[in-house]
Amino acid sequence: MKKVLIGLALVAFLLNLTGTAIADGAELWAKKCALCHGKDGKGTTPMCEKYKCPDLTNPKVQAAFTDDQVTKSIIEGIKDKSGNTVMLPFKEKLTTEEVKEIVQFLRTLKGK
């Protein structure tokens, strides 16, 4: 019984950490990403319309990339086929943990 209670406490703790990370990711999104991608992630801002950003709430769009791909894009930025920067890199502006939090939050936008 004691092991079950410890296990349940551990699960509750981990779920709380995930919720905290998503909340932190939402705050970071609002500060670092929403200007271009929009608060809702739909990409209807003038910047996203200019660069044809995908609607990040679309489940098909989200299924087309992995967390590692999003992480790389955030850290290194994105260039178009001509080599022009369409998304600036955030490697100097965000920690690895902050990038993870943004990715976790981004996944919550699916289907909204």
Protein backbone atom coordinates (compact mmCIF):
# COMPACT_ATOMS: atom_id res chain seq x y z
CA MET A 1 0.00 0.00 0.00
CA LYS A 2 2.84 2.35 0.86
CA LYS A 3 4.40 1.81 -2.59
CA VAL A 4 1.08 2.62 -4.28
CA LEU A 5 0.77 5.88 -2.36
CA ILE A 6 4.35 6.84 -3.21
CA GLY A 7 3.66 6.02 -6.87
CA LEU A 8 0.50 8.13 -6.89
CA ALA A 9 2.34 11.01 -5.25
CA LEU A 10 5.07 10.78 -7.89
CA VAL A 11 2.52 10.81 -10.72
CA ALA A 12 0.76 13.83 -9.22
CA PHE A 13 4.10 15.61 -8.86
CA LEU A 14 5.05 14.93 -12.49
CA LEU A 15 1.65 16.07 -13.75
CA ASN A 16 2.06 19.28 -11.78
CA LEU A 17 5.48 19.86 -13.36
CA THR A 18 4.00 19.42 -16.83
CA GLY A 19 1.21 21.88 -16.04
CA THR A 20 3.74 24.38 -14.74
CA ALA A 21 5.89 23.96 -17.86
CA ILE A 22 2.88 24.58 -20.09
CA ALA A 23 1.95 27.70 -18.12
CA ASP A 24 5.53 28.93 -18.39
CA GLY A 25 5.48 28.06 -22.09
CA ALA A 26 2.31 30.11 -22.55
CA GLU A 27 3.98 33.11 -20.94
CA LEU A 28 7.08 32.70 -23.11
CA TRP A 29 4.88 32.27 -26.20
CA ALA A 30 3.13 35.55 -25.41
CA LYS A 31 6.47 37.33 -25.02
CA LYS A 32 8.55 35.75 -27.79
CA CYS A 33 6.26 34.12 -30.37
CA ALA A 34 2.85 35.77 -30.43
CA LEU A 35 4.06 38.89 -32.22
CA CYS A 36 4.51 36.84 -35.39
CA HIS A 37 2.47 33.65 -34.83
CA GLY A 38 -0.41 35.29 -32.95
CA LYS A 39 -1.55 34.61 -29.41
CA ASP A 40 -3.66 31.75 -30.70
CA GLY A 41 -0.99 30.30 -33.04
CA LYS A 42 -3.18 30.62 -36.12
CA GLY A 43 -0.62 32.76 -37.94
CA THR A 44 -3.01 35.51 -38.99
CA THR A 45 -0.63 38.34 -38.14
CA PRO A 46 0.82 40.56 -40.89
CA MET A 47 4.25 38.94 -40.36
CA CYS A 48 2.91 35.41 -40.73
CA GLU A 49 0.79 36.36 -43.70
CA LYS A 50 3.92 37.81 -45.35
CA TYR A 51 5.95 34.64 -44.76
CA LYS A 52 3.05 32.19 -45.09
CA CYS A 53 3.36 30.68 -41.64
CA PRO A 54 1.31 27.55 -41.05
CA ASP A 55 -1.71 27.54 -38.74
CA LEU A 56 -0.16 25.90 -35.68
CA THR A 57 -3.60 24.98 -34.32
CA ASN A 58 -4.24 22.69 -37.31
CA PRO A 59 -3.81 19.03 -36.22
CA LYS A 60 -2.45 18.09 -39.66
CA VAL A 61 0.17 20.83 -39.46
CA GLN A 62 1.18 19.70 -35.97
CA ALA A 63 1.38 16.07 -37.09
CA ALA A 64 3.82 17.10 -39.82
CA PHE A 65 6.60 18.01 -37.38
CA THR A 66 8.24 16.48 -34.33
CA ASP A 67 9.11 18.23 -31.10
CA ASP A 68 12.77 17.95 -32.07
CA GLN A 69 12.10 19.70 -35.39
CA VAL A 70 10.26 22.55 -33.65
CA THR A 71 13.05 22.83 -31.08
CA LYS A 72 15.64 23.06 -33.85
CA SER A 73 13.58 25.70 -35.68
CA ILE A 74 13.27 27.82 -32.53
CA ILE A 75 16.97 27.56 -31.70
CA GLU A 76 18.40 27.90 -35.21
CA GLY A 77 15.67 29.89 -36.94
CA ILE A 78 14.17 29.10 -40.35
CA LYS A 79 15.33 30.05 -43.82
CA ASP A 80 13.38 29.79 -47.05
CA LYS A 81 14.63 27.92 -50.12
CA SER A 82 16.57 31.00 -51.24
CA GLY A 83 18.41 31.21 -47.91
CA ASN A 84 16.50 34.22 -46.64
CA THR A 85 15.71 34.22 -42.94
CA VAL A 86 11.98 33.90 -42.30
CA MET A 87 12.26 33.22 -38.57
CA LEU A 88 15.11 34.55 -36.47
CA PRO A 89 17.04 32.12 -34.25
CA PHE A 90 16.37 32.28 -30.52
CA LYS A 91 19.53 30.44 -29.36
CA GLU A 92 20.80 33.60 -27.67
CA LYS A 93 17.41 34.61 -26.28
CA LEU A 94 16.01 31.40 -24.77
CA THR A 95 17.41 28.63 -22.62
CA THR A 96 17.01 24.98 -23.55
CA GLU A 97 14.38 24.63 -20.82
CA GLU A 98 12.43 27.64 -22.11
CA VAL A 99 12.40 26.17 -25.62
CA LYS A 100 11.02 22.90 -24.22
CA GLU A 101 8.29 24.84 -22.40
CA ILE A 102 7.32 26.65 -25.60
CA VAL A 103 7.15 23.35 -27.50
CA GLN A 104 4.93 21.85 -24.77
CA PHE A 105 2.65 24.88 -24.95
CA LEU A 106 2.61 24.77 -28.76
CA ARG A 107 1.25 21.22 -28.62
CA THR A 108 -1.70 22.46 -26.53
CA LEU A 109 -2.79 24.69 -29.43
CA LYS A 110 -3.66 21.71 -31.62
CA GLY A 111 -7.33 21.73 -32.56
CA LYS A 112 -8.16 25.11 -30.99
